Amino acid sequence: MARKPRNLADILSDPGSALGRLVAGAEKHKALIGQVKSCLDPALAEHLIGVNTKDDTLILLSDSAAWATRLRFAGDEVCTRLENSFGLKLRHVRVKVRGPE
């Protein structure tokens, strides 16, 4: 017997579904970018194009080498602020550059 089709909104909000986990991960990632940008000078935050974490390392993605250097200098302060404000325990910072496409 055929199953009744499910509403897409129900699938996306179901944490047990693959799409639901994908949506939850995207929301978590968006929140992390917002948290990191809130710790940075606004001019520097404009050049932060991606954020990720791996173990106790914060990975920042910059749009140019010059801004990547400034992100490296701000890295320790960002980790401290993230720990104080959001409880994230990050000890290391890696900065990568993603050039123009």
Protein backbone atom coordinates (compact mmCIF):
# COMPACT_ATOMS: atom_id res chain seq x y z
CA MET A 1 0.00 0.00 0.00
CA ALA A 2 1.32 3.44 -0.93
CA ARG A 3 2.30 5.86 1.81
CA LYS A 4 0.56 9.17 2.08
CA PRO A 5 2.81 12.05 0.93
CA ARG A 6 4.24 14.17 3.73
CA ASN A 7 4.19 17.91 3.87
CA LEU A 8 7.62 19.38 3.01
CA ALA A 9 7.54 21.67 6.06
CA ASP A 10 7.06 18.61 8.26
CA ILE A 11 10.02 16.85 6.64
CA LEU A 12 12.28 19.89 7.01
CA SER A 13 11.38 20.34 10.66
CA ASP A 14 11.71 16.64 11.55
CA PRO A 15 15.10 16.18 13.29
CA GLY A 16 14.98 12.49 12.39
CA SER A 17 14.89 13.09 8.64
CA ALA A 18 18.00 13.66 6.53
CA LEU A 19 16.63 16.99 5.32
CA GLY A 20 15.74 17.99 8.85
CA ARG A 21 19.31 17.33 9.99
CA LEU A 22 20.61 19.31 7.02
CA VAL A 23 18.39 22.28 7.90
CA ALA A 24 19.43 22.10 11.56
CA GLY A 25 23.10 22.02 10.55
CA ALA A 26 22.65 25.01 8.27
CA GLU A 27 20.94 26.97 11.04
CA LYS A 28 23.73 26.08 13.47
CA HIS A 29 26.34 27.18 10.93
CA LYS A 30 24.52 30.47 10.29
CA ALA A 31 24.37 31.13 14.03
CA LEU A 32 28.12 30.43 14.36
CA ILE A 33 28.94 32.91 11.60
CA GLY A 34 26.79 35.51 13.34
CA GLN A 35 28.50 34.84 16.67
CA VAL A 36 31.98 35.18 15.18
CA LYS A 37 31.08 38.33 13.25
CA SER A 38 29.71 39.88 16.45
CA CYS A 39 33.18 39.46 17.98
CA LEU A 40 34.92 41.26 15.11
CA ASP A 41 35.31 44.87 14.05
CA PRO A 42 32.59 45.51 11.42
CA ALA A 43 35.15 46.28 8.69
CA LEU A 44 36.89 42.97 9.37
CA ALA A 45 33.62 41.06 9.65
CA GLU A 46 32.78 42.03 6.05
CA HIS A 47 35.72 39.93 4.85
CA LEU A 48 34.83 36.84 6.85
CA ILE A 49 33.09 34.59 4.34
CA GLY A 50 32.95 31.32 6.25
CA VAL A 51 33.38 29.75 9.67
CA ASN A 52 33.72 26.20 10.87
CA THR A 53 34.93 24.31 13.91
CA LYS A 54 36.84 21.07 14.19
CA ASP A 55 37.62 19.70 17.62
CA ASP A 56 38.96 22.73 19.53
CA THR A 57 39.93 24.69 16.40
CA LEU A 58 38.07 27.64 14.93
CA ILE A 59 38.48 27.79 11.15
CA LEU A 60 37.92 31.18 9.54
CA LEU A 61 37.61 31.73 5.80
CA SER A 62 38.67 35.11 4.42
CA ASP A 63 38.20 36.66 1.00
CA SER A 64 41.81 37.90 0.72
CA ALA A 65 45.26 37.29 2.16
CA ALA A 66 45.47 40.81 3.61
CA TRP A 67 42.25 40.37 5.58
CA ALA A 68 43.27 36.84 6.56
CA THR A 69 46.27 38.30 8.35
CA ARG A 70 44.02 40.63 10.33
CA LEU A 71 41.74 37.70 11.17
CA ARG A 72 44.76 35.75 12.46
CA PHE A 73 45.65 38.64 14.78
CA ALA A 74 42.06 38.79 16.05
CA GLY A 75 41.78 35.01 16.45
CA ASP A 76 42.72 34.65 20.12
CA GLU A 77 40.35 37.43 21.15
CA VAL A 78 37.55 35.90 19.09
CA CYS A 79 38.06 32.52 20.82
CA THR A 80 38.00 34.18 24.23
CA ARG A 81 34.82 36.11 23.40
CA LEU A 82 33.12 33.03 21.98
CA GLU A 83 33.93 31.11 25.15
CA ASN A 84 32.74 33.91 27.44
CA SER A 85 29.57 34.73 25.49
CA PHE A 86 28.52 31.40 24.00
CA GLY A 87 30.40 28.74 25.96
CA LEU A 88 32.39 27.53 22.95
CA LYS A 89 35.70 25.97 24.01
CA LEU A 90 38.04 26.81 21.15
CA ARG A 91 41.81 26.91 21.68
CA HIS A 92 43.25 27.26 18.18
CA VAL A 93 42.51 29.37 15.12
CA ARG A 94 43.20 28.54 11.49
CA VAL A 95 42.57 31.06 8.76
CA LYS A 96 42.17 30.09 5.14
CA VAL A 97 41.89 32.31 2.08
CA ARG A 98 39.35 31.74 -0.62
CA GLY A 99 40.29 33.81 -3.65
CA PRO A 100 37.90 35.34 -6.14
CA GLU A 101 35.96 32.86 -8.20
